[in-house]
PDB file of N, CA and C in Angstrom:
ATOM      1  N   MET A   1       0.844  -1.152   0.000  1.00  0.00           N
ATOM      2  CA  MET A   1       0.000   0.000   0.000  1.00  0.00           C
ATOM      3  C   MET A   1       0.903   1.232   0.000  1.00  0.00           C
ATOM      4  N   THR A   2       0.617   2.183  -0.821  1.00  0.00           N
ATOM      5  CA  THR A   2       1.393   3.408  -0.920  1.00  0.00           C
ATOM      6  C   THR A   2       0.870   4.424   0.076  1.00  0.00           C
ATOM      7  N   ARG A   3       1.797   5.072   0.790  1.00  0.00           N
ATOM      8  CA  ARG A   3       1.417   6.106   1.748  1.00  0.00           C
ATOM      9  C   ARG A   3       1.876   7.449   1.220  1.00  0.00           C
ATOM     10  N   TYR A   4       1.026   8.444   1.386  1.00  0.00           N
ATOM     11  CA  TYR A   4       1.330   9.798   0.942  1.00  0.00           C
ATOM     12  C   TYR A   4       1.371  10.716   2.158  1.00  0.00           C
ATOM     13  N   PRO A   5       2.169  11.770   2.104  1.00  0.00           N
ATOM     14  CA  PRO A   5       2.198  12.712   3.220  1.00  0.00           C
ATOM     15  C   PRO A   5       0.832  13.375   3.397  1.00  0.00           C
ATOM     16  N   PRO A   6       0.428  13.597   4.666  1.00  0.00           N
ATOM     17  CA  PRO A   6      -0.865  14.259   4.901  1.00  0.00           C
ATOM     18  C   PRO A   6      -0.911  15.621   4.214  1.00  0.00           C
ATOM     19  N   GLY A   7      -2.045  15.926   3.609  1.00  0.00           N
ATOM     20  CA  GLY A   7      -2.236  17.218   2.968  1.00  0.00           C
ATOM     21  C   GLY A   7      -1.746  17.284   1.534  1.00  0.00           C
ATOM     22  N   SER A   8      -1.104  16.225   1.041  1.00  0.00           N
ATOM     23  CA  SER A   8      -0.614  16.268  -0.338  1.00  0.00           C
ATOM     24  C   SER A   8      -1.769  16.074  -1.313  1.00  0.00           C
ATOM     25  N   GLN A   9      -1.537  16.421  -2.563  1.00  0.00           N
ATOM     26  CA  GLN A   9      -2.580  16.259  -3.583  1.00  0.00           C
ATOM     27  C   GLN A   9      -2.911  14.791  -3.774  1.00  0.00           C
ATOM     28  N   CYS A  10      -1.917  13.915  -3.602  1.00  0.00           N
ATOM     29  CA  CYS A  10      -2.161  12.485  -3.753  1.00  0.00           C
ATOM     30  C   CYS A  10      -3.110  11.981  -2.675  1.00  0.00           C
ATOM     31  N   THR A  11      -2.978  12.498  -1.459  1.00  0.00           N
ATOM     32  CA  THR A  11      -3.870  12.101  -0.370  1.00  0.00           C
ATOM     33  C   THR A  11      -5.305  12.465  -0.703  1.00  0.00           C
ATOM     34  N   ALA A  12      -5.521  13.654  -1.223  1.00  0.00           N
ATOM     35  CA  ALA A  12      -6.870  14.084  -1.585  1.00  0.00           C
ATOM     36  C   ALA A  12      -7.429  13.208  -2.695  1.00  0.00           C
ATOM     37  N   ALA A  13      -6.597  12.832  -3.648  1.00  0.00           N
ATOM     38  CA  ALA A  13      -7.053  11.991  -4.751  1.00  0.00           C
ATOM     39  C   ALA A  13      -7.433  10.604  -4.255  1.00  0.00           C
ATOM     40  N   VAL A  14      -6.642  10.042  -3.329  1.00  0.00           N
ATOM     41  CA  VAL A  14      -6.942   8.726  -2.788  1.00  0.00           C
ATOM     42  C   VAL A  14      -8.214   8.777  -1.956  1.00  0.00           C
ATOM     43  N   SER A  15      -8.383   9.817  -1.139  1.00  0.00           N
ATOM     44  CA  SER A  15      -9.562   9.944  -0.289  1.00  0.00           C
ATOM     45  C   SER A  15     -10.833  10.122  -1.109  1.00  0.00           C
ATOM     46  N   ALA A  16     -10.733  10.774  -2.262  1.00  0.00           N
ATOM     47  CA  ALA A  16     -11.905  11.033  -3.087  1.00  0.00           C
ATOM     48  C   ALA A  16     -12.295   9.823  -3.926  1.00  0.00           C
ATOM     49  N   ASP A  17     -11.426   8.832  -3.998  1.00  0.00           N
ATOM     50  CA  ASP A  17     -11.688   7.644  -4.807  1.00  0.00           C
ATOM     51  C   ASP A  17     -12.802   6.825  -4.161  1.00  0.00           C
ATOM     52  N   PRO A  18     -13.946   6.647  -4.829  1.00  0.00           N
ATOM     53  CA  PRO A  18     -15.059   5.905  -4.232  1.00  0.00           C
ATOM     54  C   PRO A  18     -14.759   4.424  -4.038  1.00  0.00           C
ATOM     55  N   ALA A  19     -13.746   3.886  -4.701  1.00  0.00           N
ATOM     56  CA  ALA A  19     -13.403   2.478  -4.562  1.00  0.00           C
ATOM     57  C   ALA A  19     -12.557   2.225  -3.316  1.00  0.00           C
ATOM     58  N   TRP A  20     -12.090   3.284  -2.651  1.00  0.00           N
ATOM     59  CA  TRP A  20     -11.190   3.137  -1.515  1.00  0.00           C
ATOM     60  C   TRP A  20     -11.761   2.253  -0.407  1.00  0.00           C
ATOM     61  N   PRO A  21     -12.980   2.481   0.090  1.00  0.00           N
ATOM     62  CA  PRO A  21     -13.495   1.613   1.154  1.00  0.00           C
ATOM     63  C   PRO A  21     -13.607   0.152   0.723  1.00  0.00           C
ATOM     64  N   ALA A  22     -14.027  -0.082  -0.491  1.00  0.00           N
ATOM     65  CA  ALA A  22     -14.152  -1.454  -0.985  1.00  0.00           C
ATOM     66  C   ALA A  22     -12.798  -2.138  -1.049  1.00  0.00           C
ATOM     67  N   GLU A  23     -11.767  -1.388  -1.434  1.00  0.00           N
ATOM     68  CA  GLU A  23     -10.415  -1.956  -1.489  1.00  0.00           C
ATOM     69  C   GLU A  23      -9.924  -2.313  -0.096  1.00  0.00           C
ATOM     70  N   ARG A  24     -10.187  -1.465   0.901  1.00  0.00           N
ATOM     71  CA  ARG A  24      -9.748  -1.751   2.272  1.00  0.00           C
ATOM     72  C   ARG A  24     -10.482  -2.977   2.816  1.00  0.00           C
ATOM     73  N   LEU A  25     -11.783  -3.085   2.525  1.00  0.00           N
ATOM     74  CA  LEU A  25     -12.537  -4.259   2.956  1.00  0.00           C
ATOM     75  C   LEU A  25     -11.995  -5.521   2.294  1.00  0.00           C
ATOM     76  N   ALA A  26     -11.658  -5.434   1.018  1.00  0.00           N
ATOM     77  CA  ALA A  26     -11.100  -6.589   0.310  1.00  0.00           C
ATOM     78  C   ALA A  26      -9.752  -6.995   0.912  1.00  0.00           C
ATOM     79  N   GLU A  27      -8.920  -6.008   1.261  1.00  0.00           N
ATOM     80  CA  GLU A  27      -7.634  -6.316   1.885  1.00  0.00           C
ATOM     81  C   GLU A  27      -7.843  -6.982   3.245  1.00  0.00           C
ATOM     82  N   ALA A  28      -8.796  -6.479   4.025  1.00  0.00           N
ATOM     83  CA  ALA A  28      -9.067  -7.065   5.337  1.00  0.00           C
ATOM     84  C   ALA A  28      -9.560  -8.501   5.186  1.00  0.00           C
ATOM     85  N   ARG A  29     -10.426  -8.738   4.228  1.00  0.00           N
ATOM     86  CA  ARG A  29     -10.918 -10.100   3.990  1.00  0.00           C
ATOM     87  C   ARG A  29      -9.789 -11.020   3.540  1.00  0.00           C
ATOM     88  N   ALA A  30      -8.863 -10.505   2.723  1.00  0.00           N
ATOM     89  CA  ALA A  30      -7.729 -11.312   2.256  1.00  0.00           C
ATOM     90  C   ALA A  30      -6.820 -11.695   3.422  1.00  0.00           C
ATOM     91  N   VAL A  31      -6.614 -10.777   4.350  1.00  0.00           N
ATOM     92  CA  VAL A  31      -5.798 -11.082   5.527  1.00  0.00           C
ATOM     93  C   VAL A  31      -6.441 -12.211   6.325  1.00  0.00           C
ATOM     94  N   LEU A  32      -7.744 -12.127   6.542  1.00  0.00           N
ATOM     95  CA  LEU A  32      -8.420 -13.148   7.329  1.00  0.00           C
ATOM     96  C   LEU A  32      -8.544 -14.477   6.576  1.00  0.00           C
ATOM     97  N   ALA A  33      -8.561 -14.426   5.275  1.00  0.00           N
ATOM     98  CA  ALA A  33      -8.627 -15.655   4.483  1.00  0.00           C
ATOM     99  C   ALA A  33      -7.320 -16.439   4.563  1.00  0.00           C
ATOM    100  N   ASP A  34      -6.205 -15.737   4.802  1.00  0.00           N
ATOM    101  CA  ASP A  34      -4.894 -16.369   4.895  1.00  0.00           C
ATOM    102  C   ASP A  34      -4.283 -16.037   6.252  1.00  0.00           C
ATOM    103  N   ILE A  35      -5.050 -16.278   7.282  1.00  0.00           N
ATOM    104  CA  ILE A  35      -4.716 -15.833   8.634  1.00  0.00           C
ATOM    105  C   ILE A  35      -3.410 -16.424   9.150  1.00  0.00           C
ATOM    106  N   ALA A  36      -3.052 -17.616   8.726  1.00  0.00           N
ATOM    107  CA  ALA A  36      -1.840 -18.276   9.224  1.00  0.00           C
ATOM    108  C   ALA A  36      -0.569 -17.549   8.805  1.00  0.00           C
ATOM    109  N   HIS A  37      -0.637 -16.736   7.785  1.00  0.00           N
ATOM    110  CA  HIS A  37       0.556 -16.069   7.258  1.00  0.00           C
ATOM    111  C   HIS A  37       0.632 -14.587   7.621  1.00  0.00           C
ATOM    112  N   HIS A  38      -0.176 -14.146   8.594  1.00  0.00           N
ATOM    113  CA  HIS A  38      -0.172 -12.735   8.965  1.00  0.00           C
ATOM    114  C   HIS A  38       0.035 -12.579  10.464  1.00  0.00           C
ATOM    115  N   SER A  39       0.580 -11.442  10.849  1.00  0.00           N
ATOM    116  CA  SER A  39       0.842 -11.163  12.260  1.00  0.00           C
ATOM    117  C   SER A  39      -0.465 -10.898  13.007  1.00  0.00           C
ATOM    118  N   ASP A  40      -0.410 -11.073  14.321  1.00  0.00           N
ATOM    119  CA  ASP A  40      -1.586 -10.793  15.135  1.00  0.00           C
ATOM    120  C   ASP A  40      -2.012  -9.336  15.002  1.00  0.00           C
ATOM    121  N   HIS A  41      -1.036  -8.455  14.890  1.00  0.00           N
ATOM    122  CA  HIS A  41      -1.361  -7.034  14.737  1.00  0.00           C
ATOM    123  C   HIS A  41      -2.185  -6.790  13.472  1.00  0.00           C
ATOM    124  N   LEU A  42      -1.766  -7.371  12.356  1.00  0.00           N
ATOM    125  CA  LEU A  42      -2.487  -7.194  11.100  1.00  0.00           C
ATOM    126  C   LEU A  42      -3.856  -7.875  11.155  1.00  0.00           C
ATOM    127  N   ILE A  43      -3.921  -9.008  11.814  1.00  0.00           N
ATOM    128  CA  ILE A  43      -5.202  -9.708  11.964  1.00  0.00           C
ATOM    129  C   ILE A  43      -6.163  -8.868  12.799  1.00  0.00           C
ATOM    130  N   ARG A  44      -5.652  -8.271  13.900  1.00  0.00           N
ATOM    131  CA  ARG A  44      -6.502  -7.401  14.713  1.00  0.00           C
ATOM    132  C   ARG A  44      -7.014  -6.220  13.903  1.00  0.00           C
ATOM    133  N   LEU A  45      -6.135  -5.621  13.119  1.00  0.00           N
ATOM    134  CA  LEU A  45      -6.534  -4.478  12.290  1.00  0.00           C
ATOM    135  C   LEU A  45      -7.624  -4.882  11.296  1.00  0.00           C
ATOM    136  N   ALA A  46      -7.440  -6.017  10.635  1.00  0.00           N
ATOM    137  CA  ALA A  46      -8.438  -6.497   9.676  1.00  0.00           C
ATOM    138  C   ALA A  46      -9.768  -6.777  10.371  1.00  0.00           C
ATOM    139  N   CYS A  47      -9.715  -7.371  11.560  1.00  0.00           N
ATOM    140  CA  CYS A  47     -10.944  -7.652  12.313  1.00  0.00           C
ATOM    141  C   CYS A  47     -11.661  -6.361  12.700  1.00  0.00           C
ATOM    142  N   GLU A  48     -10.897  -5.370  13.136  1.00  0.00           N
ATOM    143  CA  GLU A  48     -11.517  -4.102  13.517  1.00  0.00           C
ATOM    144  C   GLU A  48     -12.191  -3.430  12.323  1.00  0.00           C
ATOM    145  N   ILE A  49     -11.553  -3.502  11.165  1.00  0.00           N
ATOM    146  CA  ILE A  49     -12.147  -2.916   9.959  1.00  0.00           C
ATOM    147  C   ILE A  49     -13.449  -3.621   9.606  1.00  0.00           C
ATOM    148  N   LEU A  50     -13.403  -4.960   9.602  1.00  0.00           N
ATOM    149  CA  LEU A  50     -14.606  -5.708   9.230  1.00  0.00           C
ATOM    150  C   LEU A  50     -15.694  -5.619  10.300  1.00  0.00           C
ATOM    151  N   ALA A  51     -15.304  -5.527  11.564  1.00  0.00           N
ATOM    152  CA  ALA A  51     -16.303  -5.413  12.632  1.00  0.00           C
ATOM    153  C   ALA A  51     -17.067  -4.099  12.522  1.00  0.00           C
ATOM    154  N   ARG A  52     -16.424  -3.061  12.022  1.00  0.00           N
ATOM    155  CA  ARG A  52     -17.089  -1.762  11.894  1.00  0.00           C
ATOM    156  C   ARG A  52     -17.729  -1.546  10.530  1.00  0.00           C
ATOM    157  N   HIS A  53     -17.115  -2.079   9.484  1.00  0.00           N
ATOM    158  CA  HIS A  53     -17.552  -1.738   8.132  1.00  0.00           C
ATOM    159  C   HIS A  53     -17.945  -2.933   7.274  1.00  0.00           C
ATOM    160  N   GLY A  54     -18.057  -4.116   7.871  1.00  0.00           N
ATOM    161  CA  GLY A  54     -18.453  -5.304   7.110  1.00  0.00           C
ATOM    162  C   GLY A  54     -19.815  -5.117   6.459  1.00  0.00           C
ATOM    163  N   GLU A  55     -20.016  -5.822   5.367  1.00  0.00           N
ATOM    164  CA  GLU A  55     -21.259  -5.642   4.599  1.00  0.00           C
ATOM    165  C   GLU A  55     -22.480  -6.253   5.269  1.00  0.00           C
ATOM    166  N   THR A  56     -22.280  -7.379   5.975  1.00  0.00           N
ATOM    167  CA  THR A  56     -23.421  -8.044   6.602  1.00  0.00           C
ATOM    168  C   THR A  56     -23.220  -8.115   8.110  1.00  0.00           C
ATOM    169  N   GLU A  57     -24.301  -8.314   8.823  1.00  0.00           N
ATOM    170  CA  GLU A  57     -24.226  -8.466  10.278  1.00  0.00           C
ATOM    171  C   GLU A  57     -23.403  -9.713  10.628  1.00  0.00           C
ATOM    172  N   GLN A  58     -23.550 -10.772   9.864  1.00  0.00           N
ATOM    173  CA  GLN A  58     -22.790 -12.011  10.114  1.00  0.00           C
ATOM    174  C   GLN A  58     -21.286 -11.751   9.968  1.00  0.00           C
ATOM    175  N   GLU A  59     -20.877 -11.018   8.945  1.00  0.00           N
ATOM    176  CA  GLU A  59     -19.465 -10.703   8.746  1.00  0.00           C
ATOM    177  C   GLU A  59     -18.932  -9.856   9.906  1.00  0.00           C
ATOM    178  N   ARG A  60     -19.700  -8.879  10.345  1.00  0.00           N
ATOM    179  CA  ARG A  60     -19.281  -8.035  11.461  1.00  0.00           C
ATOM    180  C   ARG A  60     -19.184  -8.842  12.753  1.00  0.00           C
ATOM    181  N   ARG A  61     -20.148  -9.731  12.982  1.00  0.00           N
ATOM    182  CA  ARG A  61     -20.148 -10.574  14.178  1.00  0.00           C
ATOM    183  C   ARG A  61     -18.963 -11.529  14.163  1.00  0.00           C
ATOM    184  N   ASP A  62     -18.700 -12.167  13.035  1.00  0.00           N
ATOM    185  CA  ASP A  62     -17.560 -13.084  12.928  1.00  0.00           C
ATOM    186  C   ASP A  62     -16.235 -12.360  13.175  1.00  0.00           C
ATOM    187  N   ALA A  63     -16.123 -11.154  12.682  1.00  0.00           N
ATOM    188  CA  ALA A  63     -14.902 -10.370  12.889  1.00  0.00           C
ATOM    189  C   ALA A  63     -14.725 -10.039  14.364  1.00  0.00           C
ATOM    190  N   ARG A  64     -15.810  -9.702  15.050  1.00  0.00           N
ATOM    191  CA  ARG A  64     -15.717  -9.405  16.486  1.00  0.00           C
ATOM    192  C   ARG A  64     -15.311 -10.636  17.279  1.00  0.00           C
ATOM    193  N   VAL A  65     -15.849 -11.795  16.916  1.00  0.00           N
ATOM    194  CA  VAL A  65     -15.497 -13.045  17.605  1.00  0.00           C
ATOM    195  C   VAL A  65     -14.024 -13.375  17.374  1.00  0.00           C
ATOM    196  N   LEU A  66     -13.570 -13.263  16.145  1.00  0.00           N
ATOM    197  CA  LEU A  66     -12.168 -13.547  15.848  1.00  0.00           C
ATOM    198  C   LEU A  66     -11.254 -12.565  16.580  1.00  0.00           C
ATOM    199  N   LEU A  67     -11.661 -11.321  16.679  1.00  0.00           N
ATOM    200  CA  LEU A  67     -10.875 -10.333  17.413  1.00  0.00           C
ATOM    201  C   LEU A  67     -10.744 -10.743  18.883  1.00  0.00           C
ATOM    202  N   LEU A  68     -11.813 -11.251  19.473  1.00  0.00           N
ATOM    203  CA  LEU A  68     -11.753 -11.731  20.855  1.00  0.00           C
ATOM    204  C   LEU A  68     -10.783 -12.896  20.991  1.00  0.00           C
ATOM    205  N   VAL A  69     -10.785 -13.806  20.032  1.00  0.00           N
ATOM    206  CA  VAL A  69      -9.884 -14.959  20.063  1.00  0.00           C
ATOM    207  C   VAL A  69      -8.427 -14.501  19.969  1.00  0.00           C
ATOM    208  N   VAL A  70      -8.146 -13.591  19.056  1.00  0.00           N
ATOM    209  CA  VAL A  70      -6.776 -13.101  18.886  1.00  0.00           C
ATOM    210  C   VAL A  70      -6.329 -12.350  20.132  1.00  0.00           C
ATOM    211  N   GLU A  71      -7.201 -11.523  20.691  1.00  0.00           N
ATOM    212  CA  GLU A  71      -6.865 -10.786  21.907  1.00  0.00           C
ATOM    213  C   GLU A  71      -6.612 -11.741  23.068  1.00  0.00           C
ATOM    214  N   ALA A  72      -7.367 -12.819  23.153  1.00  0.00           N
ATOM    215  CA  ALA A  72      -7.217 -13.772  24.252  1.00  0.00           C
ATOM    216  C   ALA A  72      -5.886 -14.516  24.171  1.00  0.00           C
ATOM    217  N   ARG A  73      -5.365 -14.746  22.998  1.00  0.00           N
ATOM    218  CA  ARG A  73      -4.107 -15.488  22.884  1.00  0.00           C
ATOM    219  C   ARG A  73      -2.877 -14.577  22.881  1.00  0.00           C
ATOM    220  N   THR A  74      -3.110 -13.268  22.886  1.00  0.00           N
ATOM    221  CA  THR A  74      -2.008 -12.313  22.877  1.00  0.00           C
ATOM    222  C   THR A  74      -1.659 -11.934  24.312  1.00  0.00           C
ATOM    223  N   PRO A  75      -0.386 -12.019  24.702  1.00  0.00           N
ATOM    224  CA  PRO A  75      -0.013 -11.610  26.059  1.00  0.00           C
ATOM    225  C   PRO A  75      -0.392 -10.156  26.321  1.00  0.00           C
ATOM    226  N   GLN A  76      -0.685  -9.855  27.576  1.00  0.00           N
ATOM    227  CA  GLN A  76      -1.147  -8.524  27.966  1.00  0.00           C
ATOM    228  C   GLN A  76      -0.188  -7.429  27.523  1.00  0.00           C
ATOM    229  N   ARG A  77       1.114  -7.663  27.570  1.00  0.00           N
ATOM    230  CA  ARG A  77       2.080  -6.612  27.243  1.00  0.00           C
ATOM    231  C   ARG A  77       2.051  -6.219  25.769  1.00  0.00           C
ATOM    232  N   HIS A  78       1.453  -7.056  24.908  1.00  0.00           N
ATOM    233  CA  HIS A  78       1.373  -6.739  23.484  1.00  0.00           C
ATOM    234  C   HIS A  78       0.014  -6.194  23.066  1.00  0.00           C
ATOM    235  N   ARG A  79      -0.930  -6.172  23.970  1.00  0.00           N
ATOM    236  CA  ARG A  79      -2.263  -5.673  23.637  1.00  0.00           C
ATOM    237  C   ARG A  79      -2.276  -4.163  23.607  1.00  0.00           C
ATOM    238  N   HIS A  80      -3.267  -3.632  22.939  1.00  0.00           N
ATOM    239  CA  HIS A  80      -3.486  -2.190  22.954  1.00  0.00           C
ATOM    240  C   HIS A  80      -3.961  -1.818  24.354  1.00  0.00           C
ATOM    241  N   HIS A  81      -3.415  -0.783  24.903  1.00  0.00           N
ATOM    242  CA  HIS A  81      -3.844  -0.325  26.216  1.00  0.00           C
ATOM    243  C   HIS A  81      -4.948   0.698  26.011  1.00  0.00           C
ATOM    244  N   ARG A  82      -6.157   0.304  26.341  1.00  0.00           N
ATOM    245  CA  ARG A  82      -7.312   1.165  26.129  1.00  0.00           C
ATOM    246  C   ARG A  82      -8.019   1.389  27.449  1.00  0.00           C
ATOM    247  N   ARG A  83      -8.535   2.573  27.595  1.00  0.00           N
ATOM    248  CA  ARG A  83      -9.396   2.884  28.726  1.00  0.00           C
ATOM    249  C   ARG A  83     -10.831   2.634  28.282  1.00  0.00           C
ATOM    250  N   PRO A  84     -11.744   2.414  29.228  1.00  0.00           N
ATOM    251  CA  PRO A  84     -13.141   2.159  28.846  1.00  0.00           C
ATOM    252  C   PRO A  84     -13.726   3.244  27.944  1.00  0.00           C
ATOM    253  N   GLY A  85     -13.359   4.498  28.128  1.00  0.00           N
ATOM    254  CA  GLY A  85     -13.905   5.593  27.338  1.00  0.00           C
ATOM    255  C   GLY A  85     -13.306   5.707  25.947  1.00  0.00           C
ATOM    256  N   ASP A  86     -12.271   4.896  25.620  1.00  0.00           N
ATOM    257  CA  ASP A  86     -11.619   4.971  24.311  1.00  0.00           C
ATOM    258  C   ASP A  86     -12.436   4.313  23.207  1.00  0.00           C
ATOM    259  N   ASP A  87     -13.359   3.435  23.567  1.00  0.00           N
ATOM    260  CA  ASP A  87     -14.140   2.710  22.578  1.00  0.00           C
ATOM    261  C   ASP A  87     -15.320   3.568  22.138  1.00  0.00           C
ATOM    262  N   PRO A  88     -15.344   4.007  20.855  1.00  0.00           N
ATOM    263  CA  PRO A  88     -16.445   4.870  20.412  1.00  0.00           C
ATOM    264  C   PRO A  88     -17.800   4.174  20.420  1.00  0.00           C
ATOM    265  N   ASP A  89     -17.818   2.832  20.408  1.00  0.00           N
ATOM    266  CA  ASP A  89     -19.076   2.101  20.407  1.00  0.00           C
ATOM    267  C   ASP A  89     -19.569   1.818  21.828  1.00  0.00           C
ATOM    268  N   SER A  90     -18.733   2.122  22.821  1.00  0.00           N
ATOM    269  CA  SER A  90     -19.063   1.829  24.201  1.00  0.00           C
ATOM    270  C   SER A  90     -20.031   2.867  24.773  1.00  0.00           C
ATOM    271  N   ALA A  91     -20.948   2.410  25.585  1.00  0.00           N
ATOM    272  CA  ALA A  91     -21.878   3.324  26.255  1.00  0.00           C
ATOM    273  C   ALA A  91     -21.128   4.148  27.291  1.00  0.00           C
ATOM    274  N   GLU A  92     -20.051   3.582  27.869  1.00  0.00           N
ATOM    275  CA  GLU A  92     -19.277   4.298  28.871  1.00  0.00           C
ATOM    276  C   GLU A  92     -18.598   5.514  28.255  1.00  0.00           C
ATOM    277  N   GLY A  93     -18.187   5.409  26.987  1.00  0.00           N
ATOM    278  CA  GLY A  93     -17.507   6.514  26.320  1.00  0.00           C
ATOM    279  C   GLY A  93     -18.435   7.672  26.039  1.00  0.00           C
ATOM    280  N   ALA A  94     -19.741   7.437  26.086  1.00  0.00           N
ATOM    281  CA  ALA A  94     -20.698   8.488  25.775  1.00  0.00           C
ATOM    282  C   ALA A  94     -20.969   9.384  26.978  1.00  0.00           C
ATOM    283  N   GLU A  95     -20.555   8.914  28.169  1.00  0.00           N
ATOM    284  CA  GLU A  95     -20.799   9.705  29.367  1.00  0.00           C
ATOM    285  C   GLU A  95     -19.887  10.919  29.400  1.00  0.00           C
ATOM    286  N   VAL A  96     -20.445  12.029  29.834  1.00  0.00           N
ATOM    287  CA  VAL A  96     -19.683  13.250  29.977  1.00  0.00           C
ATOM    288  C   VAL A  96     -19.711  13.639  31.447  1.00  0.00           C
ATOM    289  N   THR A  97     -18.511  13.819  32.013  1.00  0.00           N
ATOM    290  CA  THR A  97     -18.456  14.210  33.409  1.00  0.00           C
ATOM    291  C   THR A  97     -18.069  15.665  33.531  1.00  0.00           C
ATOM    292  N   SER A  98     -18.619  16.328  34.514  1.00  0.00           N
ATOM    293  CA  SER A  98     -18.327  17.744  34.709  1.00  0.00           C
ATOM    294  C   SER A  98     -17.396  17.932  35.879  1.00  0.00           C
TER     295      SER A  98
END
């Protein structure tokens, strides 16, 4: 995958491409289809993409389950350190304290 500096004309062209989301979903599906040959980090990333943007509820659910399996087999020191409020889908993150 080619990376462009933020704010460059190439970045705007890539962002405006309507095929971009479909390509990312296809890449995520390819990673999960050949899961034995990819790192846990890449598998987690693919699962997160499909869990949020998968085409069907079944695909999103399967991605969430696989993400739980990968997280369970990963030692704590390699996991993402998240606070409860970091999850945008969490009800806890919606609370505002004064």
